[in-house]
Protein backbone atom coordinates (compact mmCIF):
# COMPACT_ATOMS: atom_id res chain seq x y z
CA MET A 1 -0.04 0.01 -0.03
CA SER A 2 1.36 3.58 -0.80
CA GLU A 3 1.61 6.34 1.91
CA LEU A 4 -1.69 7.28 3.33
CA ALA A 5 -1.22 10.83 1.85
CA ASP A 6 -1.54 9.01 -1.57
CA ILE A 7 -4.90 7.17 -0.55
CA HIS A 8 -7.89 9.44 -1.69
CA LEU A 9 -11.18 8.76 0.09
CA LEU A 10 -14.43 10.17 -0.97
CA VAL A 11 -17.05 10.97 1.91
CA VAL A 12 -20.79 11.16 0.79
CA ASP A 13 -23.22 12.39 3.48
CA ASP A 14 -26.06 15.03 3.17
CA ASP A 15 -25.30 15.99 6.76
CA GLU A 16 -22.82 18.89 6.61
CA ARG A 17 -21.73 18.54 10.35
CA ILE A 18 -20.95 14.70 9.85
CA ARG A 19 -19.31 15.03 6.45
CA THR A 20 -17.13 17.82 7.89
CA LEU A 21 -16.23 15.83 11.11
CA ILE A 22 -15.36 12.82 9.16
CA GLN A 23 -13.22 14.72 6.63
CA LYS A 24 -11.25 16.52 9.26
CA PHE A 25 -10.83 13.08 11.34
CA LEU A 26 -9.55 11.19 8.32
CA ILE A 27 -7.20 14.01 7.22
CA ARG A 28 -5.74 14.03 10.80
CA HIS A 29 -4.86 10.34 10.26
CA GLY A 30 -3.10 11.03 6.94
CA PHE A 31 -5.69 10.44 4.07
CA CYS A 32 -6.63 12.92 1.32
CA VAL A 33 -10.41 13.30 1.48
CA SER A 34 -12.91 14.75 -0.75
CA THR A 35 -16.67 15.34 0.16
CA ALA A 36 -19.74 15.31 -1.61
CA ARG A 37 -23.54 16.17 -0.24
CA ASP A 38 -25.37 13.81 -2.14
CA ALA A 39 -25.24 10.97 -4.96
CA ALA A 40 -25.51 13.90 -7.89
CA HIS A 41 -22.79 15.69 -6.57
CA ALA A 42 -20.65 12.35 -6.03
CA ARG A 43 -21.35 11.61 -9.70
CA ARG A 44 -19.81 14.85 -10.72
CA ILE A 45 -16.80 14.34 -8.72
CA LEU A 46 -16.31 10.96 -9.83
CA ALA A 47 -16.53 11.74 -13.37
CA GLY A 48 -13.09 13.49 -12.97
CA LEU A 49 -11.38 11.74 -10.26
CA GLU A 50 -10.59 8.03 -8.96
CA PHE A 51 -10.69 7.33 -5.42
CA ASP A 52 -9.30 4.43 -3.46
CA LEU A 53 -12.33 4.11 -1.19
CA ILE A 54 -15.80 5.69 -0.88
CA VAL A 55 -17.46 6.31 2.46
CA LEU A 56 -21.31 6.62 1.64
CA ASP A 57 -24.28 7.49 3.72
CA VAL A 58 -27.47 5.39 3.15
CA MET A 59 -30.20 7.66 4.08
CA MET A 60 -29.75 10.74 1.75
CA PRO A 61 -32.37 12.78 -0.11
CA GLY A 62 -32.90 11.92 -3.87
CA GLU A 63 -30.86 8.76 -4.70
CA ASP A 64 -30.21 6.78 -1.54
CA GLY A 65 -26.84 5.13 -0.82
CA ILE A 66 -28.00 1.67 -1.65
CA SER A 67 -29.39 2.62 -5.17
CA PHE A 68 -26.15 4.68 -5.70
CA THR A 69 -23.96 1.67 -4.72
CA ALA A 70 -25.74 -0.66 -7.19
CA ALA A 71 -25.38 1.98 -9.79
CA LEU A 72 -21.69 2.40 -9.22
CA ARG A 73 -21.10 -1.42 -9.53
CA GLU A 74 -22.14 -1.24 -12.95
CA SER A 75 -18.78 0.37 -13.98
CA VAL A 76 -16.34 0.71 -10.91
CA THR A 77 -14.92 -1.50 -8.34
CA THR A 78 -13.83 1.13 -5.84
CA PRO A 79 -14.52 -0.28 -2.26
CA ILE A 80 -17.54 1.22 -0.79
CA LEU A 81 -18.12 1.50 2.98
CA LEU A 82 -21.80 2.35 3.85
CA LEU A 83 -22.88 4.34 6.81
CA THR A 84 -26.44 3.63 7.85
CA ALA A 85 -28.67 4.59 10.65
CA LYS A 86 -30.51 1.33 10.53
CA GLY A 87 -29.33 -1.50 12.40
CA GLU A 88 -31.47 -4.08 10.90
CA THR A 89 -29.87 -7.16 9.42
CA ASN A 90 -32.01 -7.01 6.17
CA ASP A 91 -30.75 -3.39 5.49
CA ARG A 92 -27.13 -4.33 5.98
CA ILE A 93 -27.80 -7.40 3.71
CA ALA A 94 -29.37 -5.02 1.03
CA GLY A 95 -26.24 -2.84 1.06
CA LEU A 96 -23.94 -5.80 0.72
CA GLU A 97 -26.12 -7.25 -2.04
CA ALA A 98 -26.01 -3.96 -3.94
CA GLY A 99 -22.20 -4.22 -4.02
CA ALA A 100 -20.97 -2.58 -0.80
CA ASP A 101 -17.84 -4.12 0.75
CA ASP A 102 -18.81 -3.29 4.54
CA TYR A 103 -21.14 -1.26 6.59
CA LEU A 104 -20.98 0.80 9.80
CA THR A 105 -24.13 1.68 11.92
CA LYS A 106 -24.61 5.31 13.22
CA PRO A 107 -23.89 6.45 15.62
CA PHE A 108 -20.27 5.15 15.40
CA GLU A 109 -16.94 6.02 17.08
CA PRO A 110 -14.69 7.61 14.56
CA ARG A 111 -11.85 5.20 15.52
CA GLU A 112 -14.19 2.31 14.49
CA LEU A 113 -14.62 4.04 11.14
CA LEU A 114 -10.71 4.38 10.71
CA LEU A 115 -10.42 0.75 11.59
CA ARG A 116 -13.09 -0.30 9.01
CA ILE A 117 -11.19 1.83 6.21
CA ASN A 118 -8.04 0.35 7.05
CA ALA A 119 -9.46 -3.35 6.99
CA ILE A 120 -10.99 -2.74 3.49
CA LEU A 121 -7.85 -1.12 2.07
CA ARG A 122 -5.85 -4.22 3.47
CA ARG A 123 -7.87 -6.40 1.51
CA MET A 124 -7.06 -5.03 -1.73
CA PRO A 125 -4.66 -7.54 -3.45
CA GLN A 126 -0.94 -6.35 -3.41
CA ASN A 127 1.18 -9.47 -3.98
CA PRO A 128 0.50 -12.80 -5.61
CA PRO A 129 -0.09 -15.72 -3.29
CA GLU A 130 2.97 -17.71 -2.30
CA ASP A 131 2.12 -21.36 -3.63
CA ASP A 132 2.93 -23.69 -6.48
CA GLY A 133 -0.50 -23.96 -7.93
CA PRO A 134 -1.37 -23.11 -11.45
CA ARG A 135 -1.18 -19.41 -12.34
CA VAL A 136 -4.33 -19.37 -14.63
CA LEU A 137 -7.67 -21.18 -13.40
CA HIS A 138 -10.22 -22.03 -15.92
CA LEU A 139 -13.92 -22.02 -14.88
CA GLY A 140 -15.87 -22.78 -17.89
CA PRO A 141 -15.58 -19.69 -20.40
CA LEU A 142 -13.97 -17.83 -17.58
CA ARG A 143 -10.30 -17.58 -16.75
CA TYR A 144 -8.81 -16.22 -13.51
CA ASP A 145 -5.16 -15.00 -13.59
CA VAL A 146 -3.92 -15.72 -10.08
CA ASP A 147 -0.78 -13.38 -10.21
CA ARG A 148 -2.74 -10.33 -11.46
CA GLY A 149 -5.91 -11.25 -9.56
CA GLU A 150 -8.09 -10.62 -12.91
CA LEU A 151 -10.89 -12.51 -13.95
CA TRP A 152 -11.73 -12.61 -17.74
CA HIS A 153 -14.49 -13.88 -20.04
CA GLY A 154 -12.76 -14.16 -23.43
CA THR A 155 -11.14 -10.89 -24.08
CA ASP A 156 -13.48 -9.03 -21.79
CA PRO A 157 -12.59 -8.33 -17.90
CA VAL A 158 -15.03 -9.21 -15.53
CA ARG A 159 -15.18 -6.49 -12.66
CA LEU A 160 -14.64 -7.79 -9.16
CA THR A 161 -15.45 -5.52 -6.10
CA ALA A 162 -12.57 -5.31 -3.44
CA THR A 163 -14.08 -8.09 -1.47
CA GLU A 164 -14.76 -10.35 -4.37
CA SER A 165 -11.14 -9.88 -5.48
CA GLN A 166 -9.77 -10.96 -2.05
CA LEU A 167 -12.19 -13.90 -1.83
CA MET A 168 -10.76 -15.05 -5.28
CA ARG A 169 -7.30 -14.50 -4.01
CA ILE A 170 -8.15 -16.74 -0.89
CA PHE A 171 -9.86 -19.50 -2.92
CA SER A 172 -7.19 -19.54 -5.61
CA GLY A 173 -4.70 -20.11 -2.76
CA ARG A 174 -6.54 -23.19 -1.57
CA VAL A 175 -8.04 -24.91 -4.71
CA GLY A 176 -10.17 -27.79 -4.00
CA GLU A 177 -9.94 -27.10 -0.30
CA PRO A 178 -13.18 -26.35 1.60
CA ILE A 179 -12.77 -22.96 3.56
CA GLY A 180 -15.32 -22.30 6.40
CA ARG A 181 -16.93 -19.26 6.88
CA ASP A 182 -15.17 -18.43 10.10
CA LYS A 183 -11.83 -18.80 8.17
CA LEU A 184 -12.97 -16.38 5.58
CA VAL A 185 -14.24 -13.73 7.99
CA GLU A 186 -10.69 -13.97 9.51
CA ASP A 187 -8.88 -13.93 6.26
CA LEU A 188 -10.94 -10.79 5.18
CA GLY A 189 -9.80 -9.05 8.30
CA ARG A 190 -13.25 -8.82 9.80
CA ASP A 191 -14.51 -9.23 13.22
CA ARG A 192 -15.90 -12.62 14.08
CA GLY A 193 -19.62 -13.18 14.71
CA GLN A 194 -22.67 -14.55 13.19
CA ALA A 195 -23.62 -11.23 11.36
CA GLN A 196 -20.34 -11.51 9.51
CA GLU A 197 -20.61 -15.10 8.64
CA ARG A 198 -24.29 -14.19 7.02
CA ALA A 199 -22.57 -11.36 5.35
CA ILE A 200 -19.81 -13.88 3.90
CA ASP A 201 -22.63 -15.78 2.44
CA VAL A 202 -24.00 -12.70 0.79
CA GLN A 203 -20.50 -12.00 -0.84
CA ILE A 204 -20.56 -15.71 -2.10
CA THR A 205 -23.85 -15.38 -3.87
CA ARG A 206 -22.67 -12.10 -5.52
CA LEU A 207 -19.60 -13.73 -6.58
CA ARG A 208 -21.31 -16.75 -7.87
CA ARG A 209 -23.19 -14.52 -10.13
CA LYS A 210 -20.08 -13.72 -11.91
CA LEU A 211 -18.61 -17.19 -11.94
CA GLU A 212 -21.44 -19.52 -12.52
CA ALA A 213 -23.95 -20.33 -15.49
CA ASP A 214 -26.58 -21.08 -12.87
CA PRO A 215 -25.83 -19.55 -9.54
CA ARG A 216 -28.35 -21.78 -7.92
CA GLN A 217 -26.60 -24.78 -8.92
CA PRO A 218 -22.88 -23.85 -8.62
CA ARG A 219 -20.27 -25.90 -10.59
CA TYR A 220 -17.09 -23.81 -9.67
CA LEU A 221 -17.84 -22.17 -6.36
CA GLN A 222 -19.23 -24.97 -4.47
CA THR A 223 -20.85 -25.42 -1.07
CA VAL A 224 -19.14 -28.18 0.89
CA ARG A 225 -21.79 -29.26 3.50
CA GLY A 226 -20.43 -28.70 6.95
CA ALA A 227 -17.10 -27.44 5.79
CA GLY A 228 -17.66 -24.07 4.01
CA TYR A 229 -17.18 -23.11 0.34
CA MET A 230 -14.68 -24.51 -2.27
CA LEU A 231 -13.26 -23.31 -5.56
CA ALA A 232 -13.29 -26.15 -8.11
CA PRO A 233 -11.81 -25.08 -11.45
CA ASP A 234 -11.77 -27.11 -14.58
C-alpha cells in the first residue's frame, strides 16, 4: 500500500456537520479526503477523479446510498463502506447485495470508522499468493489470472469488487480445499460473529453470479456441507 497521503477517500453524506467531522478526522490520520453532499454531487466528482475508497451514507435525499452503490457497481470496483442509521440485518444485507464491501451503523466512534477503512484497504490485493499451484484457473468460459488477480471472459474483463477480488485470492490459494465461513471472515480482516458469517454468504452469492452459468446450482464455487465453500476449477 502507498503512503496514506496518496490514498484518496470520498465521503458522501447529506449532513454537513457529520461530513465535515469525518473529513477532518480522516485528514488528521493521513488520508486525502474529498466530500460530496449527495449522490448527484458525488457523480460529478467521480466523473473527473478516481478514489481508493468511498464512504457513503445510506439515508440521503434523492438517490439513496444503496441505489447509488448498485449503480456504481455497473462500472467501478472502488471499495464502498456504507454508513447507515438502520441496524436491521435486512438493511445491512441489502447494502452488501448492492455491492458494498462493508457497513457501519450510526452512531459510531470515529476510531471504528478508521479501523473499518484500513481493514478494507488491506483486502486490496498487493502481492501474488505464495504457492506452487497453476497461475491461471479455468472456470468454463472464464479464466482467472492468479498473479494479476484478474477475471476474464474471453477478451472481456469481469469486474470484481474489493471483497470479491480478495475472496478469489483466498480461494485460488487453496484450490479444491473447503474453507469455512469463520476462516473467510478472519482472512478478510473482519470481526468474528454470526452477522459477519451471514455477510460472507451474501458475498459468495454475489461472486457466484459472476462465476456460474446457474448460480443456484454452482459448479465452480461449491458449498461443501459442514465444511464451507470450495473453488473447483476445470
